[in-house]
Amino acid sequence: MSSDFVLFHVPFDVLGALYGPTSNVKVLNGDAFKKAISSEGVAIVEFYAEWCGHCKAFAKHVDEAAKILKNVIPVIAVDDATLSSQYNVKGYPTVKIFQ
């Protein structure tokens, strides 16, 4: 009996993730998001959708802001239609400051 095992590397952008494991952007949804904004003094939050072309183009700017603000203000990204609705997001990407 023989079995074949193939191992390959898939870059993050091929998988569709806007923020990879080395990003300073915290990608949160649901309860984790609500807990984070209640515990942080101030947070910058980007509401986005994976399918959104403008979000994909904007992601590099959000990532750069998160890098610059790393030890100052957390930058959070949210891809959650329910939360977007709760926070009156009408289009993507939308950036809000929570305090």
PDB file of N, CA and C in Angstrom:
ATOM      1  N   MET A   1       0.843  -1.164   0.000  1.00  0.00           N
ATOM      2  CA  MET A   1       0.000   0.000   0.000  1.00  0.00           C
ATOM      3  C   MET A   1       0.898   1.238   0.000  1.00  0.00           C
ATOM      4  N   SER A   2       0.571   2.181  -0.842  1.00  0.00           N
ATOM      5  CA  SER A   2       1.357   3.406  -0.877  1.00  0.00           C
ATOM      6  C   SER A   2       0.421   4.590  -0.722  1.00  0.00           C
ATOM      7  N   SER A   3       0.953   5.628  -0.148  1.00  0.00           N
ATOM      8  CA  SER A   3       0.150   6.846  -0.033  1.00  0.00           C
ATOM      9  C   SER A   3       1.011   8.010  -0.483  1.00  0.00           C
ATOM     10  N   ASP A   4       0.372   8.944  -1.095  1.00  0.00           N
ATOM     11  CA  ASP A   4       1.070  10.139  -1.562  1.00  0.00           C
ATOM     12  C   ASP A   4       0.692  11.305  -0.663  1.00  0.00           C
ATOM     13  N   PHE A   5       1.689  12.051  -0.295  1.00  0.00           N
ATOM     14  CA  PHE A   5       1.469  13.229   0.534  1.00  0.00           C
ATOM     15  C   PHE A   5       2.160  14.392  -0.151  1.00  0.00           C
ATOM     16  N   VAL A   6       1.412  15.424  -0.406  1.00  0.00           N
ATOM     17  CA  VAL A   6       1.967  16.593  -1.076  1.00  0.00           C
ATOM     18  C   VAL A   6       1.880  17.774  -0.121  1.00  0.00           C
ATOM     19  N   LEU A   7       2.995  18.419   0.085  1.00  0.00           N
ATOM     20  CA  LEU A   7       3.055  19.590   0.941  1.00  0.00           C
ATOM     21  C   LEU A   7       3.444  20.779   0.075  1.00  0.00           C
ATOM     22  N   PHE A   8       2.686  21.848   0.189  1.00  0.00           N
ATOM     23  CA  PHE A   8       3.024  23.040  -0.582  1.00  0.00           C
ATOM     24  C   PHE A   8       2.680  24.278   0.222  1.00  0.00           C
ATOM     25  N   HIS A   9       3.288  25.364  -0.167  1.00  0.00           N
ATOM     26  CA  HIS A   9       3.108  26.645   0.503  1.00  0.00           C
ATOM     27  C   HIS A   9       2.122  27.489  -0.286  1.00  0.00           C
ATOM     28  N   VAL A  10       1.141  28.047   0.418  1.00  0.00           N
ATOM     29  CA  VAL A  10       0.188  28.948  -0.216  1.00  0.00           C
ATOM     30  C   VAL A  10       0.351  30.315   0.432  1.00  0.00           C
ATOM     31  N   PRO A  11       0.728  31.332  -0.341  1.00  0.00           N
ATOM     32  CA  PRO A  11       0.882  32.675   0.224  1.00  0.00           C
ATOM     33  C   PRO A  11      -0.434  33.174   0.811  1.00  0.00           C
ATOM     34  N   PHE A  12      -0.349  34.018   1.849  1.00  0.00           N
ATOM     35  CA  PHE A  12      -1.541  34.513   2.518  1.00  0.00           C
ATOM     36  C   PHE A  12      -2.497  35.222   1.570  1.00  0.00           C
ATOM     37  N   ASP A  13      -1.975  36.030   0.635  1.00  0.00           N
ATOM     38  CA  ASP A  13      -2.874  36.767  -0.251  1.00  0.00           C
ATOM     39  C   ASP A  13      -3.670  35.840  -1.156  1.00  0.00           C
ATOM     40  N   VAL A  14      -3.159  34.658  -1.445  1.00  0.00           N
ATOM     41  CA  VAL A  14      -3.909  33.696  -2.244  1.00  0.00           C
ATOM     42  C   VAL A  14      -5.074  33.153  -1.436  1.00  0.00           C
ATOM     43  N   LEU A  15      -4.877  32.993  -0.139  1.00  0.00           N
ATOM     44  CA  LEU A  15      -5.943  32.507   0.722  1.00  0.00           C
ATOM     45  C   LEU A  15      -7.014  33.564   0.952  1.00  0.00           C
ATOM     46  N   GLY A  16      -6.721  34.809   0.643  1.00  0.00           N
ATOM     47  CA  GLY A  16      -7.706  35.864   0.789  1.00  0.00           C
ATOM     48  C   GLY A  16      -7.597  36.663   2.069  1.00  0.00           C
ATOM     49  N   ALA A  17      -6.710  36.306   2.960  1.00  0.00           N
ATOM     50  CA  ALA A  17      -6.575  37.040   4.215  1.00  0.00           C
ATOM     51  C   ALA A  17      -5.915  38.391   3.950  1.00  0.00           C
ATOM     52  N   LEU A  18      -6.544  39.447   4.430  1.00  0.00           N
ATOM     53  CA  LEU A  18      -5.970  40.778   4.221  1.00  0.00           C
ATOM     54  C   LEU A  18      -4.813  41.054   5.169  1.00  0.00           C
ATOM     55  N   TYR A  19      -4.861  40.471   6.357  1.00  0.00           N
ATOM     56  CA  TYR A  19      -3.828  40.733   7.354  1.00  0.00           C
ATOM     57  C   TYR A  19      -3.209  39.414   7.790  1.00  0.00           C
ATOM     58  N   GLY A  20      -1.937  39.247   7.462  1.00  0.00           N
ATOM     59  CA  GLY A  20      -1.237  38.000   7.745  1.00  0.00           C
ATOM     60  C   GLY A  20      -0.764  37.898   9.187  1.00  0.00           C
ATOM     61  N   PRO A  21      -0.074  36.821   9.492  1.00  0.00           N
ATOM     62  CA  PRO A  21       0.368  36.570  10.866  1.00  0.00           C
ATOM     63  C   PRO A  21       1.418  37.557  11.378  1.00  0.00           C
ATOM     64  N   THR A  22       2.102  38.262  10.496  1.00  0.00           N
ATOM     65  CA  THR A  22       3.109  39.231  10.939  1.00  0.00           C
ATOM     66  C   THR A  22       2.554  40.651  11.038  1.00  0.00           C
ATOM     67  N   SER A  23       1.284  40.825  10.703  1.00  0.00           N
ATOM     68  CA  SER A  23       0.656  42.145  10.742  1.00  0.00           C
ATOM     69  C   SER A  23       0.438  42.597  12.182  1.00  0.00           C
ATOM     70  N   ASN A  24       0.474  43.908  12.400  1.00  0.00           N
ATOM     71  CA  ASN A  24       0.152  44.485  13.706  1.00  0.00           C
ATOM     72  C   ASN A  24      -1.337  44.766  13.853  1.00  0.00           C
ATOM     73  N   VAL A  25      -2.107  44.477  12.815  1.00  0.00           N
ATOM     74  CA  VAL A  25      -3.559  44.646  12.860  1.00  0.00           C
ATOM     75  C   VAL A  25      -4.155  43.439  13.575  1.00  0.00           C
ATOM     76  N   LYS A  26      -5.009  43.703  14.562  1.00  0.00           N
ATOM     77  CA  LYS A  26      -5.713  42.621  15.266  1.00  0.00           C
ATOM     78  C   LYS A  26      -7.015  42.360  14.519  1.00  0.00           C
ATOM     79  N   VAL A  27      -7.180  41.178  13.966  1.00  0.00           N
ATOM     80  CA  VAL A  27      -8.417  40.817  13.272  1.00  0.00           C
ATOM     81  C   VAL A  27      -9.323  40.137  14.289  1.00  0.00           C
ATOM     82  N   LEU A  28     -10.446  40.793  14.595  1.00  0.00           N
ATOM     83  CA  LEU A  28     -11.361  40.297  15.622  1.00  0.00           C
ATOM     84  C   LEU A  28     -12.797  40.287  15.111  1.00  0.00           C
ATOM     85  N   ASN A  29     -13.598  39.415  15.673  1.00  0.00           N
ATOM     86  CA  ASN A  29     -15.022  39.348  15.368  1.00  0.00           C
ATOM     87  C   ASN A  29     -15.799  39.033  16.641  1.00  0.00           C
ATOM     88  N   GLY A  30     -17.091  39.277  16.602  1.00  0.00           N
ATOM     89  CA  GLY A  30     -17.989  38.879  17.681  1.00  0.00           C
ATOM     90  C   GLY A  30     -17.575  39.350  19.060  1.00  0.00           C
ATOM     91  N   ASP A  31     -17.620  38.413  20.004  1.00  0.00           N
ATOM     92  CA  ASP A  31     -17.341  38.734  21.404  1.00  0.00           C
ATOM     93  C   ASP A  31     -15.917  39.232  21.622  1.00  0.00           C
ATOM     94  N   ALA A  32     -14.961  38.701  20.867  1.00  0.00           N
ATOM     95  CA  ALA A  32     -13.566  39.149  21.006  1.00  0.00           C
ATOM     96  C   ALA A  32     -13.452  40.630  20.672  1.00  0.00           C
ATOM     97  N   PHE A  33     -14.173  41.074  19.647  1.00  0.00           N
ATOM     98  CA  PHE A  33     -14.167  42.494  19.279  1.00  0.00           C
ATOM     99  C   PHE A  33     -14.773  43.335  20.397  1.00  0.00           C
ATOM    100  N   LYS A  34     -15.942  42.934  20.880  1.00  0.00           N
ATOM    101  CA  LYS A  34     -16.620  43.706  21.927  1.00  0.00           C
ATOM    102  C   LYS A  34     -15.770  43.782  23.195  1.00  0.00           C
ATOM    103  N   LYS A  35     -15.113  42.692  23.531  1.00  0.00           N
ATOM    104  CA  LYS A  35     -14.235  42.671  24.706  1.00  0.00           C
ATOM    105  C   LYS A  35     -13.039  43.607  24.499  1.00  0.00           C
ATOM    106  N   ALA A  36     -12.462  43.585  23.311  1.00  0.00           N
ATOM    107  CA  ALA A  36     -11.289  44.420  23.020  1.00  0.00           C
ATOM    108  C   ALA A  36     -11.621  45.901  23.088  1.00  0.00           C
ATOM    109  N   ILE A  37     -12.742  46.314  22.508  1.00  0.00           N
ATOM    110  CA  ILE A  37     -13.039  47.752  22.518  1.00  0.00           C
ATOM    111  C   ILE A  37     -13.479  48.233  23.889  1.00  0.00           C
ATOM    112  N   SER A  38     -13.985  47.331  24.719  1.00  0.00           N
ATOM    113  CA  SER A  38     -14.355  47.758  26.070  1.00  0.00           C
ATOM    114  C   SER A  38     -13.134  47.827  26.987  1.00  0.00           C
ATOM    115  N   SER A  39     -12.074  47.083  26.661  1.00  0.00           N
ATOM    116  CA  SER A  39     -10.885  47.081  27.517  1.00  0.00           C
ATOM    117  C   SER A  39      -9.815  48.077  27.072  1.00  0.00           C
ATOM    118  N   GLU A  40      -9.830  48.477  25.812  1.00  0.00           N
ATOM    119  CA  GLU A  40      -8.847  49.436  25.297  1.00  0.00           C
ATOM    120  C   GLU A  40      -9.332  50.849  25.593  1.00  0.00           C
ATOM    121  N   GLY A  41      -8.410  51.771  25.848  1.00  0.00           N
ATOM    122  CA  GLY A  41      -8.797  53.163  26.048  1.00  0.00           C
ATOM    123  C   GLY A  41      -9.331  53.759  24.758  1.00  0.00           C
ATOM    124  N   VAL A  42      -8.538  53.667  23.712  1.00  0.00           N
ATOM    125  CA  VAL A  42      -8.904  54.140  22.377  1.00  0.00           C
ATOM    126  C   VAL A  42      -8.464  53.067  21.394  1.00  0.00           C
ATOM    127  N   ALA A  43      -9.280  52.833  20.370  1.00  0.00           N
ATOM    128  CA  ALA A  43      -8.916  51.863  19.335  1.00  0.00           C
ATOM    129  C   ALA A  43      -9.385  52.370  17.980  1.00  0.00           C
ATOM    130  N   ILE A  44      -8.578  52.129  16.971  1.00  0.00           N
ATOM    131  CA  ILE A  44      -8.961  52.423  15.590  1.00  0.00           C
ATOM    132  C   ILE A  44      -9.462  51.115  14.994  1.00  0.00           C
ATOM    133  N   VAL A  45     -10.660  51.158  14.426  1.00  0.00           N
ATOM    134  CA  VAL A  45     -11.279  49.939  13.903  1.00  0.00           C
ATOM    135  C   VAL A  45     -11.631  50.115  12.435  1.00  0.00           C
ATOM    136  N   GLU A  46     -11.163  49.179  11.628  1.00  0.00           N
ATOM    137  CA  GLU A  46     -11.542  49.137  10.215  1.00  0.00           C
ATOM    138  C   GLU A  46     -12.562  48.018  10.037  1.00  0.00           C
ATOM    139  N   PHE A  47     -13.732  48.370   9.522  1.00  0.00           N
ATOM    140  CA  PHE A  47     -14.728  47.381   9.137  1.00  0.00           C
ATOM    141  C   PHE A  47     -14.506  47.105   7.656  1.00  0.00           C
ATOM    142  N   TYR A  48     -14.371  45.839   7.290  1.00  0.00           N
ATOM    143  CA  TYR A  48     -14.063  45.480   5.910  1.00  0.00           C
ATOM    144  C   TYR A  48     -14.781  44.198   5.524  1.00  0.00           C
ATOM    145  N   ALA A  49     -14.678  43.852   4.250  1.00  0.00           N
ATOM    146  CA  ALA A  49     -15.192  42.577   3.747  1.00  0.00           C
ATOM    147  C   ALA A  49     -14.113  41.968   2.858  1.00  0.00           C
ATOM    148  N   GLU A  50     -13.903  40.668   2.989  1.00  0.00           N
ATOM    149  CA  GLU A  50     -12.865  39.975   2.205  1.00  0.00           C
ATOM    150  C   GLU A  50     -13.035  40.183   0.702  1.00  0.00           C
ATOM    151  N   TRP A  51     -14.277  40.249   0.247  1.00  0.00           N
ATOM    152  CA  TRP A  51     -14.554  40.334  -1.188  1.00  0.00           C
ATOM    153  C   TRP A  51     -14.382  41.757  -1.744  1.00  0.00           C
ATOM    154  N   CYS A  52     -14.204  42.740  -0.883  1.00  0.00           N
ATOM    155  CA  CYS A  52     -14.192  44.157  -1.271  1.00  0.00           C
ATOM    156  C   CYS A  52     -12.848  44.574  -1.873  1.00  0.00           C
ATOM    157  N   GLY A  53     -12.861  44.993  -3.126  1.00  0.00           N
ATOM    158  CA  GLY A  53     -11.646  45.439  -3.802  1.00  0.00           C
ATOM    159  C   GLY A  53     -11.022  46.662  -3.158  1.00  0.00           C
ATOM    160  N   HIS A  54     -11.860  47.612  -2.730  1.00  0.00           N
ATOM    161  CA  HIS A  54     -11.342  48.813  -2.062  1.00  0.00           C
ATOM    162  C   HIS A  54     -10.666  48.442  -0.739  1.00  0.00           C
ATOM    163  N   CYS A  55     -11.228  47.448  -0.044  1.00  0.00           N
ATOM    164  CA  CYS A  55     -10.634  46.992   1.224  1.00  0.00           C
ATOM    165  C   CYS A  55      -9.264  46.380   0.988  1.00  0.00           C
ATOM    166  N   LYS A  56      -9.143  45.619  -0.087  1.00  0.00           N
ATOM    167  CA  LYS A  56      -7.862  44.987  -0.416  1.00  0.00           C
ATOM    168  C   LYS A  56      -6.801  46.046  -0.704  1.00  0.00           C
ATOM    169  N   ALA A  57      -7.191  47.096  -1.421  1.00  0.00           N
ATOM    170  CA  ALA A  57      -6.253  48.178  -1.732  1.00  0.00           C
ATOM    171  C   ALA A  57      -5.914  48.999  -0.484  1.00  0.00           C
ATOM    172  N   PHE A  58      -6.873  49.157   0.407  1.00  0.00           N
ATOM    173  CA  PHE A  58      -6.712  49.965   1.613  1.00  0.00           C
ATOM    174  C   PHE A  58      -5.925  49.233   2.700  1.00  0.00           C
ATOM    175  N   ALA A  59      -5.895  47.906   2.639  1.00  0.00           N
ATOM    176  CA  ALA A  59      -5.280  47.085   3.690  1.00  0.00           C
ATOM    177  C   ALA A  59      -3.825  47.457   3.957  1.00  0.00           C
ATOM    178  N   LYS A  60      -3.075  47.778   2.907  1.00  0.00           N
ATOM    179  CA  LYS A  60      -1.662  48.122   3.120  1.00  0.00           C
ATOM    180  C   LYS A  60      -1.523  49.392   3.957  1.00  0.00           C
ATOM    181  N   HIS A  61      -2.471  50.316   3.825  1.00  0.00           N
ATOM    182  CA  HIS A  61      -2.432  51.554   4.604  1.00  0.00           C
ATOM    183  C   HIS A  61      -2.808  51.290   6.067  1.00  0.00           C
ATOM    184  N   VAL A  62      -3.786  50.431   6.262  1.00  0.00           N
ATOM    185  CA  VAL A  62      -4.181  50.058   7.625  1.00  0.00           C
ATOM    186  C   VAL A  62      -3.025  49.331   8.309  1.00  0.00           C
ATOM    187  N   ASP A  63      -2.392  48.436   7.574  1.00  0.00           N
ATOM    188  CA  ASP A  63      -1.253  47.688   8.112  1.00  0.00           C
ATOM    189  C   ASP A  63      -0.108  48.630   8.493  1.00  0.00           C
ATOM    190  N   GLU A  64       0.163  49.612   7.662  1.00  0.00           N
ATOM    191  CA  GLU A  64       1.227  50.587   7.944  1.00  0.00           C
ATOM    192  C   GLU A  64       0.874  51.434   9.166  1.00  0.00           C
ATOM    193  N   ALA A  65      -0.390  51.861   9.266  1.00  0.00           N
ATOM    194  CA  ALA A  65      -0.829  52.629  10.438  1.00  0.00           C
ATOM    195  C   ALA A  65      -0.674  51.801  11.711  1.00  0.00           C
ATOM    196  N   ALA A  66      -1.029  50.529  11.640  1.00  0.00           N
ATOM    197  CA  ALA A  66      -0.899  49.645  12.805  1.00  0.00           C
ATOM    198  C   ALA A  66       0.559  49.495  13.219  1.00  0.00           C
ATOM    199  N   LYS A  67       1.437  49.450  12.237  1.00  0.00           N
ATOM    200  CA  LYS A  67       2.877  49.337  12.522  1.00  0.00           C
ATOM    201  C   LYS A  67       3.377  50.597  13.231  1.00  0.00           C
ATOM    202  N   ILE A  68       2.973  51.758  12.733  1.00  0.00           N
ATOM    203  CA  ILE A  68       3.401  53.035  13.311  1.00  0.00           C
ATOM    204  C   ILE A  68       2.818  53.230  14.714  1.00  0.00           C
ATOM    205  N   LEU A  69       1.562  52.826  14.897  1.00  0.00           N
ATOM    206  CA  LEU A  69       0.860  53.047  16.162  1.00  0.00           C
ATOM    207  C   LEU A  69       0.959  51.867  17.130  1.00  0.00           C
ATOM    208  N   LYS A  70       1.799  50.913  16.808  1.00  0.00           N
ATOM    209  CA  LYS A  70       1.886  49.646  17.546  1.00  0.00           C
ATOM    210  C   LYS A  70       1.834  49.796  19.067  1.00  0.00           C
ATOM    211  N   ASN A  71       2.603  50.682  19.619  1.00  0.00           N
ATOM    212  CA  ASN A  71       2.657  50.844  21.075  1.00  0.00           C
ATOM    213  C   ASN A  71       1.844  52.036  21.576  1.00  0.00           C
ATOM    214  N   VAL A  72       0.985  52.581  20.709  1.00  0.00           N
ATOM    215  CA  VAL A  72       0.216  53.767  21.071  1.00  0.00           C
ATOM    216  C   VAL A  72      -1.283  53.471  21.109  1.00  0.00           C
ATOM    217  N   ILE A  73      -1.817  53.042  19.971  1.00  0.00           N
ATOM    218  CA  ILE A  73      -3.252  52.764  19.833  1.00  0.00           C
ATOM    219  C   ILE A  73      -3.414  51.465  19.053  1.00  0.00           C
ATOM    220  N   PRO A  74      -4.236  50.546  19.550  1.00  0.00           N
ATOM    221  CA  PRO A  74      -4.449  49.313  18.788  1.00  0.00           C
ATOM    222  C   PRO A  74      -5.265  49.575  17.523  1.00  0.00           C
ATOM    223  N   VAL A  75      -4.904  48.884  16.464  1.00  0.00           N
ATOM    224  CA  VAL A  75      -5.653  48.939  15.208  1.00  0.00           C
ATOM    225  C   VAL A  75      -6.300  47.571  15.031  1.00  0.00           C
ATOM    226  N   ILE A  76      -7.619  47.590  14.911  1.00  0.00           N
ATOM    227  CA  ILE A  76      -8.410  46.362  14.842  1.00  0.00           C
ATOM    228  C   ILE A  76      -9.134  46.319  13.507  1.00  0.00           C
ATOM    229  N   ALA A  77      -9.200  45.148  12.901  1.00  0.00           N
ATOM    230  CA  ALA A  77      -9.956  44.954  11.662  1.00  0.00           C
ATOM    231  C   ALA A  77     -11.090  43.974  11.937  1.00  0.00           C
ATOM    232  N   VAL A  78     -12.270  44.276  11.391  1.00  0.00           N
ATOM    233  CA  VAL A  78     -13.457  43.464  11.627  1.00  0.00           C
ATOM    234  C   VAL A  78     -14.111  43.108  10.297  1.00  0.00           C
ATOM    235  N   ASP A  79     -14.250  41.819  10.044  1.00  0.00           N
ATOM    236  CA  ASP A  79     -14.984  41.316   8.875  1.00  0.00           C
ATOM    237  C   ASP A  79     -16.175  40.539   9.413  1.00  0.00           C
ATOM    238  N   ASP A  80     -17.225  41.269   9.781  1.00  0.00           N
ATOM    239  CA  ASP A  80     -18.389  40.670  10.431  1.00  0.00           C
ATOM    240  C   ASP A  80     -19.611  41.517  10.089  1.00  0.00           C
ATOM    241  N   ALA A  81     -20.491  40.997   9.248  1.00  0.00           N
ATOM    242  CA  ALA A  81     -21.656  41.753   8.776  1.00  0.00           C
ATOM    243  C   ALA A  81     -22.576  42.162   9.927  1.00  0.00           C
ATOM    244  N   THR A  82     -22.724  41.307  10.932  1.00  0.00           N
ATOM    245  CA  THR A  82     -23.587  41.629  12.071  1.00  0.00           C
ATOM    246  C   THR A  82     -23.032  42.813  12.849  1.00  0.00           C
ATOM    247  N   LEU A  83     -21.743  42.789  13.147  1.00  0.00           N
ATOM    248  CA  LEU A  83     -21.127  43.923  13.850  1.00  0.00           C
ATOM    249  C   LEU A  83     -21.169  45.185  13.001  1.00  0.00           C
ATOM    250  N   SER A  84     -20.936  45.042  11.713  1.00  0.00           N
ATOM    251  CA  SER A  84     -20.992  46.205  10.820  1.00  0.00           C
ATOM    252  C   SER A  84     -22.363  46.857  10.889  1.00  0.00           C
ATOM    253  N   SER A  85     -23.396  46.056  10.898  1.00  0.00           N
ATOM    254  CA  SER A  85     -24.759  46.574  10.995  1.00  0.00           C
ATOM    255  C   SER A  85     -24.995  47.243  12.349  1.00  0.00           C
ATOM    256  N   GLN A  86     -24.533  46.611  13.417  1.00  0.00           N
ATOM    257  CA  GLN A  86     -24.707  47.168  14.767  1.00  0.00           C
ATOM    258  C   GLN A  86     -24.028  48.525  14.916  1.00  0.00           C
ATOM    259  N   TYR A  87     -22.926  48.719  14.214  1.00  0.00           N
ATOM    260  CA  TYR A  87     -22.176  49.973  14.316  1.00  0.00           C
ATOM    261  C   TYR A  87     -22.433  50.905  13.132  1.00  0.00           C
ATOM    262  N   ASN A  88     -23.546  50.674  12.448  1.00  0.00           N
ATOM    263  CA  ASN A  88     -24.037  51.571  11.397  1.00  0.00           C
ATOM    264  C   ASN A  88     -23.048  51.763  10.245  1.00  0.00           C
ATOM    265  N   VAL A  89     -22.360  50.695   9.877  1.00  0.00           N
ATOM    266  CA  VAL A  89     -21.439  50.746   8.741  1.00  0.00           C
ATOM    267  C   VAL A  89     -22.263  50.611   7.468  1.00  0.00           C
ATOM    268  N   LYS A  90     -22.134  51.580   6.575  1.00  0.00           N
ATOM    269  CA  LYS A  90     -22.925  51.604   5.340  1.00  0.00           C
ATOM    270  C   LYS A  90     -22.139  51.165   4.119  1.00  0.00           C
ATOM    271  N   GLY A  91     -20.817  51.107   4.219  1.00  0.00           N
ATOM    272  CA  GLY A  91     -19.982  50.708   3.091  1.00  0.00           C
ATOM    273  C   GLY A  91     -18.615  50.276   3.583  1.00  0.00           C
ATOM    274  N   TYR A  92     -17.888  49.618   2.704  1.00  0.00           N
ATOM    275  CA  TYR A  92     -16.558  49.103   3.059  1.00  0.00           C
ATOM    276  C   TYR A  92     -15.490  49.740   2.186  1.00  0.00           C
ATOM    277  N   PRO A  93     -14.316  49.998   2.712  1.00  0.00           N
ATOM    278  CA  PRO A  93     -13.955  49.942   4.120  1.00  0.00           C
ATOM    279  C   PRO A  93     -14.474  51.164   4.881  1.00  0.00           C
ATOM    280  N   THR A  94     -14.733  50.989   6.155  1.00  0.00           N
ATOM    281  CA  THR A  94     -15.119  52.082   7.043  1.00  0.00           C
ATOM    282  C   THR A  94     -14.187  52.055   8.245  1.00  0.00           C
ATOM    283  N   VAL A  95     -13.654  53.207   8.607  1.00  0.00           N
ATOM    284  CA  VAL A  95     -12.776  53.309   9.776  1.00  0.00           C
ATOM    285  C   VAL A  95     -13.487  54.136  10.835  1.00  0.00           C
ATOM    286  N   LYS A  96     -13.510  53.602  12.055  1.00  0.00           N
ATOM    287  CA  LYS A  96     -14.113  54.304  13.189  1.00  0.00           C
ATOM    288  C   LYS A  96     -13.129  54.295  14.347  1.00  0.00           C
ATOM    289  N   ILE A  97     -13.227  55.319  15.171  1.00  0.00           N
ATOM    290  CA  ILE A  97     -12.411  55.389  16.379  1.00  0.00           C
ATOM    291  C   ILE A  97     -13.329  55.136  17.567  1.00  0.00           C
ATOM    292  N   PHE A  98     -12.954  54.170  18.387  1.00  0.00           N
ATOM    293  CA  PHE A  98     -13.717  53.841  19.587  1.00  0.00           C
ATOM    294  C   PHE A  98     -12.962  54.357  20.797  1.00  0.00           C
ATOM    295  N   GLN A  99     -13.722  54.951  21.725  1.00  0.00           N
ATOM    296  CA  GLN A  99     -13.116  55.488  22.937  1.00  0.00           C
ATOM    297  C   GLN A  99     -13.948  55.090  24.125  1.00  0.00           C
TER     298      GLN A  99
END
